[in-house]
Amino acid sequence: MTSTDTEMEGHKAAVLLEHTRNAVDPHLRAAVETLPGAIRRVAMYHFGWQNADGTPASGQAGKAMRPALVLAAARALGGDAQAAMRAAVAVELAHNFTLLHDDVIDEDTTRRHRPTAWALFGVPDAVITGDALLALALRLLANDPHPASGQAATRLSTCVIELCAGQQADCALEERGPDDVTLDECLAMAMAKTGALLGCACALGALYAGAGEREVDAMDGFGREAGLAFQLIDDLIGIWGDTARTGKPVGADLTAHKKSLPVVAALTSDAPAAAELAALYRGAMNTPAEVRSAADAVDRAGGRDWAQIAAADRMARAVHHLSRALPAPADAGELLALAEFVTRRTH
């Protein structure tokens, strides 16, 4: 793909995401506004629609990647995207359930350039609000008269269990030493924690289009592989991202001693810098100089290059799955644009 092609795909994806956000937000907000008072207040803040004092805010509720995948998958398989709107909203609610909980677990104090919900309202309110968003997602599907809603609810519930297993594995990895983690188990954790929900989003779109089991599974595979590519890029941004664009401190993942994929690739390499990185991970690593040294060690040990190559490989696998569901390339345009977007992003 030429640079011009990439720019065109990026523009196409940006337009599609903006259109999705404009289409989904009214339904998402209407669902959130059904929550009880205190929980609603935290949720409205988390989504960027209100300030902490309840006054209106002009923030956005994220990029809308997952609902965009639901609707694009439905269209690609000849379905009515509008009929899949509840499924798109449900997936976005489930995603934000994970964000609220992840911020608590990771002790992240900033998201989308604002204090995280737990940092502002406290851990109990953030956790409870996350729980409520997940219940709301499942209620939306349970009340949806669409014939695919039952299968969709089952698939989303199964996906959330997998997400929880991935999160638990992530937490367990953080407790282990830098010499006691393998790349394979980190890849499996990332597939469960990130790939599963993107795969579920694509599968739900296929279900709502009336697709058969083969197509649904292929779309799930596409989303999973694209999701792993997404995580690889996200991990790179977590080390080298621009604070002005990410809203998080430079090297936040390193400061937190996160065993992200580039870090583990570096730690398990034979490069001399791997030992330097392991030594830094055994220490406090809370000064800017130490964080810069760790980022440099990851780079010199090959973690940065490995992650970029692995992201491209996972995208190739994603395209292979997509071709199984959509033999006609023209039908895959939106989904390919979205997948390309997640591997080219910088924040």
Protein backbone atom coordinates (compact mmCIF):
# COMPACT_ATOMS: atom_id res chain seq x y z
CA MET A 1 0.00 0.00 0.00
CA THR A 2 1.44 3.40 -1.01
CA SER A 3 1.52 6.40 1.32
CA THR A 4 -1.28 7.95 -0.74
CA ASP A 5 -3.39 4.82 -0.31
CA THR A 6 -2.70 4.86 3.41
CA GLU A 7 -3.76 8.49 3.70
CA MET A 8 -6.96 7.75 1.79
CA GLU A 9 -7.74 4.77 4.04
CA GLY A 10 -7.01 6.90 7.11
CA HIS A 11 -9.34 9.62 5.88
CA LYS A 12 -12.04 7.07 5.07
CA ALA A 13 -11.75 5.54 8.54
CA ALA A 14 -11.82 8.95 10.25
CA VAL A 15 -15.00 9.90 8.38
CA LEU A 16 -16.56 6.53 9.19
CA LEU A 17 -15.69 6.85 12.88
CA GLU A 18 -17.10 10.37 13.04
CA HIS A 19 -20.29 9.23 11.31
CA THR A 20 -20.55 6.29 13.72
CA ARG A 21 -20.04 8.47 16.76
CA ASN A 22 -22.75 10.88 15.58
CA ALA A 23 -25.13 7.99 14.91
CA VAL A 24 -24.41 6.00 18.07
CA ASP A 25 -24.04 8.77 20.66
CA PRO A 26 -27.76 9.68 20.95
CA HIS A 27 -28.64 6.01 21.56
CA LEU A 28 -25.70 5.52 23.91
CA ARG A 29 -26.58 8.62 25.90
CA ALA A 30 -30.25 7.66 26.06
CA ALA A 31 -29.25 4.30 27.52
CA VAL A 32 -26.87 5.84 30.07
CA GLU A 33 -29.50 8.34 31.16
CA THR A 34 -31.69 5.45 32.35
CA LEU A 35 -29.17 4.67 35.12
CA PRO A 36 -29.88 5.73 38.73
CA GLY A 37 -28.77 9.22 39.81
CA ALA A 38 -25.29 8.79 41.37
CA ILE A 39 -24.27 6.08 38.91
CA ARG A 40 -25.58 8.15 36.01
CA ARG A 41 -23.51 11.11 37.16
CA VAL A 42 -20.26 9.10 37.13
CA ALA A 43 -21.10 7.54 33.77
CA MET A 44 -21.97 10.88 32.17
CA TYR A 45 -18.64 12.24 33.38
CA HIS A 46 -16.73 9.20 32.16
CA PHE A 47 -18.23 9.48 28.67
CA GLY A 48 -17.27 13.17 28.54
CA TRP A 49 -20.81 14.55 28.44
CA GLN A 50 -20.71 16.25 31.85
CA ASN A 51 -18.21 17.86 34.16
CA ALA A 52 -17.74 16.57 37.70
CA ASP A 53 -20.30 19.08 38.99
CA GLY A 54 -22.94 17.86 36.53
CA THR A 55 -22.70 20.82 34.13
CA PRO A 56 -22.59 20.01 30.40
CA ALA A 57 -19.20 19.21 28.86
CA SER A 58 -18.15 19.09 25.24
CA GLY A 59 -15.98 15.98 25.42
CA GLN A 60 -16.41 12.86 23.27
CA ALA A 61 -16.94 9.29 24.39
CA GLY A 62 -13.89 7.91 22.58
CA LYS A 63 -13.21 6.94 18.98
CA ALA A 64 -16.24 4.61 18.56
CA MET A 65 -14.07 1.91 16.98
CA ARG A 66 -16.07 -1.01 18.37
CA PRO A 67 -19.54 0.23 17.39
CA ALA A 68 -18.10 1.17 14.00
CA LEU A 69 -17.00 -2.44 13.54
CA VAL A 70 -20.48 -3.72 14.48
CA LEU A 71 -22.21 -1.47 11.96
CA ALA A 72 -19.59 -1.93 9.22
CA ALA A 73 -19.74 -5.72 9.58
CA ALA A 74 -23.52 -5.65 9.32
CA ARG A 75 -23.37 -3.52 6.16
CA ALA A 76 -20.60 -5.63 4.63
CA LEU A 77 -22.74 -8.76 4.91
CA GLY A 78 -25.81 -7.09 3.44
CA GLY A 79 -27.59 -6.24 6.68
CA ASP A 80 -29.31 -3.10 7.91
CA ALA A 81 -26.86 -1.20 10.08
CA GLN A 82 -29.66 0.69 11.81
CA ALA A 83 -31.15 -2.61 12.94
CA ALA A 84 -27.80 -3.42 14.60
CA MET A 85 -27.69 -0.14 16.55
CA ARG A 86 -28.53 -1.71 19.92
CA ALA A 87 -25.75 -4.23 19.41
CA ALA A 88 -23.34 -1.38 18.62
CA VAL A 89 -24.35 0.48 21.77
CA ALA A 90 -24.09 -2.70 23.86
CA VAL A 91 -20.53 -3.31 22.70
CA GLU A 92 -19.56 0.28 23.50
CA LEU A 93 -21.09 -0.01 26.97
CA ALA A 94 -19.17 -3.23 27.60
CA HIS A 95 -15.97 -1.58 26.41
CA ASN A 96 -16.44 1.29 28.83
CA PHE A 97 -17.11 -1.16 31.65
CA THR A 98 -13.57 -2.43 31.03
CA LEU A 99 -12.13 1.10 30.89
CA LEU A 100 -13.60 2.08 34.25
CA HIS A 101 -12.27 -1.07 35.88
CA ASP A 102 -8.89 -0.94 34.11
CA ASP A 103 -8.28 2.61 35.32
CA VAL A 104 -8.86 1.45 38.90
CA ILE A 105 -6.65 -1.63 38.55
CA ASP A 106 -3.86 0.26 36.79
CA GLU A 107 -4.26 3.30 39.06
CA ASP A 108 -4.38 5.53 35.98
CA THR A 109 -5.34 9.05 37.00
CA THR A 110 -5.90 10.50 33.50
CA ARG A 111 -8.08 9.47 30.57
CA ARG A 112 -8.96 11.63 27.55
CA HIS A 113 -7.12 14.58 29.11
CA ARG A 114 -9.29 14.54 32.26
CA PRO A 115 -9.07 12.88 35.68
CA THR A 116 -10.33 9.30 35.57
CA ALA A 117 -13.64 8.50 37.24
CA TRP A 118 -12.09 6.70 40.20
CA ALA A 119 -9.59 9.54 40.78
CA LEU A 120 -12.48 12.00 40.97
CA PHE A 121 -15.36 10.05 42.50
CA GLY A 122 -13.49 7.29 44.31
CA VAL A 123 -12.90 3.60 43.62
CA PRO A 124 -16.31 2.30 44.80
CA ASP A 125 -18.32 4.63 42.53
CA ALA A 126 -16.11 3.88 39.51
CA VAL A 127 -16.32 0.11 39.97
CA ILE A 128 -20.07 0.16 40.57
CA THR A 129 -20.62 2.36 37.52
CA GLY A 130 -18.61 -0.07 35.41
CA ASP A 131 -20.77 -2.93 36.68
CA ALA A 132 -23.91 -0.98 35.81
CA LEU A 133 -22.68 -0.30 32.25
CA LEU A 134 -22.16 -4.02 31.66
CA ALA A 135 -25.62 -4.86 33.02
CA LEU A 136 -27.07 -2.12 30.84
CA ALA A 137 -25.37 -3.58 27.75
CA LEU A 138 -26.90 -7.00 28.38
CA ARG A 139 -30.31 -5.50 29.11
CA LEU A 140 -30.25 -3.68 25.78
CA LEU A 141 -29.71 -6.96 23.96
CA ALA A 142 -32.25 -8.82 26.11
CA ASN A 143 -34.91 -6.25 25.21
CA ASP A 144 -34.01 -6.11 21.52
CA PRO A 145 -36.72 -7.74 19.36
CA HIS A 146 -34.21 -8.53 16.60
CA PRO A 147 -33.99 -12.32 16.02
CA ALA A 148 -30.21 -12.27 16.52
CA SER A 149 -30.32 -10.58 19.92
CA GLY A 150 -30.27 -13.79 21.94
CA GLN A 151 -27.17 -15.12 20.18
CA ALA A 152 -25.62 -11.67 20.48
CA ALA A 153 -26.22 -11.56 24.25
CA THR A 154 -24.67 -15.00 24.66
CA ARG A 155 -21.67 -14.05 22.55
CA LEU A 156 -21.11 -10.77 24.40
CA SER A 157 -21.41 -12.47 27.81
CA THR A 158 -18.89 -15.12 26.76
CA CYS A 159 -16.59 -12.40 25.48
CA VAL A 160 -16.74 -10.49 28.78
CA ILE A 161 -15.74 -13.64 30.68
CA GLU A 162 -12.76 -13.93 28.32
CA LEU A 163 -11.96 -10.26 28.88
CA CYS A 164 -11.98 -10.82 32.64
CA ALA A 165 -9.67 -13.80 32.25
CA GLY A 166 -7.34 -11.65 30.17
CA GLN A 167 -7.37 -8.90 32.79
CA GLN A 168 -6.67 -11.41 35.56
CA ALA A 169 -3.77 -12.83 33.56
CA ASP A 170 -2.45 -9.31 33.03
CA CYS A 171 -2.53 -8.62 36.77
CA ALA A 172 -0.83 -11.95 37.50
CA LEU A 173 1.95 -11.14 35.03
CA GLU A 174 2.62 -7.85 36.78
CA GLU A 175 3.38 -9.75 39.98
CA ARG A 176 6.06 -11.85 38.32
CA GLY A 177 9.67 -10.87 37.79
CA PRO A 178 10.98 -9.57 34.45
CA ASP A 179 12.77 -12.91 33.85
CA ASP A 180 9.66 -15.00 34.50
CA VAL A 181 7.36 -13.96 31.63
CA THR A 182 7.11 -15.45 28.14
CA LEU A 183 6.05 -13.72 24.98
CA ASP A 184 3.51 -16.44 24.12
CA GLU A 185 1.57 -15.99 27.36
CA CYS A 186 1.61 -12.21 26.90
CA LEU A 187 0.22 -12.59 23.38
CA ALA A 188 -2.52 -14.90 24.70
CA MET A 189 -3.36 -12.37 27.41
CA ALA A 190 -3.55 -9.52 24.90
CA MET A 191 -5.77 -11.55 22.58
CA ALA A 192 -8.19 -12.16 25.45
CA LYS A 193 -8.03 -8.64 26.85
CA THR A 194 -8.22 -6.66 23.60
CA GLY A 195 -8.74 -8.91 20.59
CA ALA A 196 -11.79 -10.66 22.01
CA LEU A 197 -14.03 -7.58 22.13
CA LEU A 198 -13.11 -6.39 18.64
CA GLY A 199 -13.81 -9.89 17.40
CA CYS A 200 -17.12 -9.90 19.24
CA ALA A 201 -18.06 -6.54 17.70
CA CYS A 202 -17.51 -7.90 14.18
CA ALA A 203 -19.34 -11.14 15.02
CA LEU A 204 -22.35 -9.24 16.36
CA GLY A 205 -22.56 -7.22 13.17
CA ALA A 206 -22.51 -10.46 11.19
CA LEU A 207 -25.21 -12.00 13.39
CA TYR A 208 -27.46 -8.99 12.90
CA ALA A 209 -26.95 -9.29 9.14
CA GLY A 210 -28.26 -12.86 9.29
CA ALA A 211 -24.90 -14.39 8.35
CA GLY A 212 -24.15 -18.08 8.80
CA GLU A 213 -21.84 -19.62 11.38
CA ARG A 214 -18.87 -19.71 8.99
CA GLU A 215 -19.11 -16.01 8.21
CA VAL A 216 -19.70 -15.08 11.86
CA ASP A 217 -16.62 -17.02 12.99
CA ALA A 218 -14.51 -15.53 10.19
CA MET A 219 -15.57 -12.02 11.19
CA ASP A 220 -14.71 -12.84 14.79
CA GLY A 221 -11.26 -13.97 13.65
CA PHE A 222 -10.79 -10.76 11.67
CA GLY A 223 -11.64 -8.62 14.67
CA ARG A 224 -9.44 -10.63 17.02
CA GLU A 225 -6.36 -10.34 14.84
CA ALA A 226 -7.02 -6.65 14.16
CA GLY A 227 -7.49 -6.24 17.91
CA LEU A 228 -4.11 -7.75 18.64
CA ALA A 229 -2.56 -5.42 16.07
CA PHE A 230 -4.37 -2.58 17.86
CA GLN A 231 -2.88 -3.69 21.20
CA LEU A 232 0.63 -3.86 19.78
CA ILE A 233 0.34 -0.28 18.51
CA ASP A 234 -1.27 0.78 21.81
CA ASP A 235 1.69 -0.67 23.69
CA LEU A 236 4.10 1.28 21.49
CA ILE A 237 2.13 4.45 22.17
CA GLY A 238 2.22 3.63 25.89
CA ILE A 239 6.01 3.94 25.73
CA TRP A 240 6.68 6.51 23.01
CA GLY A 241 3.34 8.33 22.63
CA ASP A 242 3.01 12.11 22.71
CA THR A 243 1.43 13.25 25.99
CA ALA A 244 -0.30 16.13 24.21
CA ARG A 245 -2.15 13.59 22.05
CA THR A 246 -2.56 10.65 24.44
CA GLY A 247 -3.48 12.62 27.57
CA LYS A 248 -1.13 10.37 29.59
CA PRO A 249 2.40 11.00 30.89
CA VAL A 250 5.33 9.95 28.66
CA GLY A 251 6.35 6.37 29.41
CA ALA A 252 3.40 5.79 31.73
CA ASP A 253 3.46 2.05 31.03
CA LEU A 254 7.15 1.88 31.94
CA THR A 255 6.66 3.82 35.16
CA ALA A 256 3.93 1.34 36.09
CA HIS A 257 6.29 -1.56 35.26
CA LYS A 258 3.75 -2.91 32.80
CA LYS A 259 4.90 -5.98 30.91
CA SER A 260 3.54 -4.78 27.60
CA LEU A 261 4.29 -6.71 24.42
CA PRO A 262 7.28 -4.61 23.25
CA VAL A 263 8.75 -4.81 26.75
CA VAL A 264 8.42 -8.60 26.96
CA ALA A 265 9.79 -8.99 23.44
CA ALA A 266 12.81 -6.98 24.57
CA LEU A 267 13.17 -8.83 27.87
CA THR A 268 13.13 -12.21 26.15
CA SER A 269 15.60 -11.22 23.43
CA ASP A 270 19.28 -12.14 23.44
CA ALA A 271 20.33 -8.51 23.13
CA PRO A 272 22.61 -7.03 25.83
CA ALA A 273 20.00 -4.32 26.43
CA ALA A 274 17.58 -6.99 27.72
CA ALA A 275 19.59 -7.30 30.93
CA GLU A 276 19.63 -3.51 31.32
CA LEU A 277 15.85 -3.42 30.95
CA ALA A 278 15.37 -6.26 33.45
CA ALA A 279 17.51 -4.40 36.00
CA LEU A 280 15.44 -1.24 35.54
CA TYR A 281 12.21 -3.24 35.95
CA ARG A 282 13.47 -4.61 39.26
CA GLY A 283 13.96 -1.07 40.57
CA ALA A 284 11.62 1.84 41.23
CA MET A 285 11.97 3.39 37.76
CA ASN A 286 10.07 6.52 38.68
CA THR A 287 12.40 9.28 37.49
CA PRO A 288 12.28 10.72 33.96
CA ALA A 289 15.87 9.60 33.38
CA GLU A 290 15.07 5.99 34.35
CA VAL A 291 11.98 5.97 32.13
CA ARG A 292 14.02 7.28 29.19
CA SER A 293 16.67 4.62 29.84
CA ALA A 294 14.01 1.90 29.89
CA ALA A 295 12.46 3.11 26.63
CA ASP A 296 15.91 3.19 25.04
CA ALA A 297 16.62 -0.34 26.29
CA VAL A 298 13.36 -1.64 24.83
CA ASP A 299 14.34 -0.09 21.51
CA ARG A 300 17.91 -1.41 21.49
CA ALA A 301 16.74 -4.89 22.51
CA GLY A 302 14.45 -4.98 19.47
CA GLY A 303 11.10 -4.62 21.23
CA ARG A 304 10.00 -1.65 19.17
CA ASP A 305 10.83 -3.24 15.81
CA TRP A 306 9.33 -6.57 16.87
CA ALA A 307 6.01 -4.93 17.83
CA GLN A 308 5.77 -3.05 14.54
CA ILE A 309 6.47 -6.21 12.52
CA ALA A 310 4.07 -8.26 14.66
CA ALA A 311 1.31 -5.68 14.16
CA ALA A 312 1.72 -5.94 10.37
CA ASP A 313 1.67 -9.75 10.61
CA ARG A 314 -1.53 -9.72 12.66
CA MET A 315 -3.12 -7.38 10.15
CA ALA A 316 -2.27 -9.83 7.37
CA ARG A 317 -3.95 -12.60 9.37
CA ALA A 318 -6.97 -10.35 9.90
CA VAL A 319 -7.30 -9.75 6.16
CA HIS A 320 -7.14 -13.50 5.55
CA HIS A 321 -10.07 -14.08 7.93
CA LEU A 322 -12.00 -11.26 6.30
CA SER A 323 -11.56 -12.78 2.85
CA ARG A 324 -13.24 -15.95 4.14
CA ALA A 325 -16.35 -13.99 5.12
CA LEU A 326 -16.31 -11.50 2.25
CA PRO A 327 -14.88 -12.95 -0.99
CA ALA A 328 -15.68 -9.72 -2.86
CA PRO A 329 -13.01 -7.13 -1.89
CA ALA A 330 -15.40 -4.24 -2.46
CA ASP A 331 -17.59 -5.46 0.42
CA ALA A 332 -14.67 -5.29 2.84
CA GLY A 333 -13.77 -1.63 2.25
CA GLU A 334 -15.05 -0.13 5.50
CA LEU A 335 -13.71 -2.92 7.67
CA LEU A 336 -10.29 -2.79 6.03
CA ALA A 337 -10.18 0.98 6.46
CA LEU A 338 -10.95 0.65 10.18
CA ALA A 339 -8.36 -2.08 10.64
CA GLU A 340 -5.74 -0.06 8.78
CA PHE A 341 -6.59 2.95 10.93
CA VAL A 342 -5.85 1.17 14.21
CA THR A 343 -2.40 0.12 13.06
CA ARG A 344 -1.47 3.59 11.75
CA ARG A 345 -2.68 5.66 14.68
CA THR A 346 -0.34 7.64 16.92
CA HIS A 347 -2.58 8.20 19.97
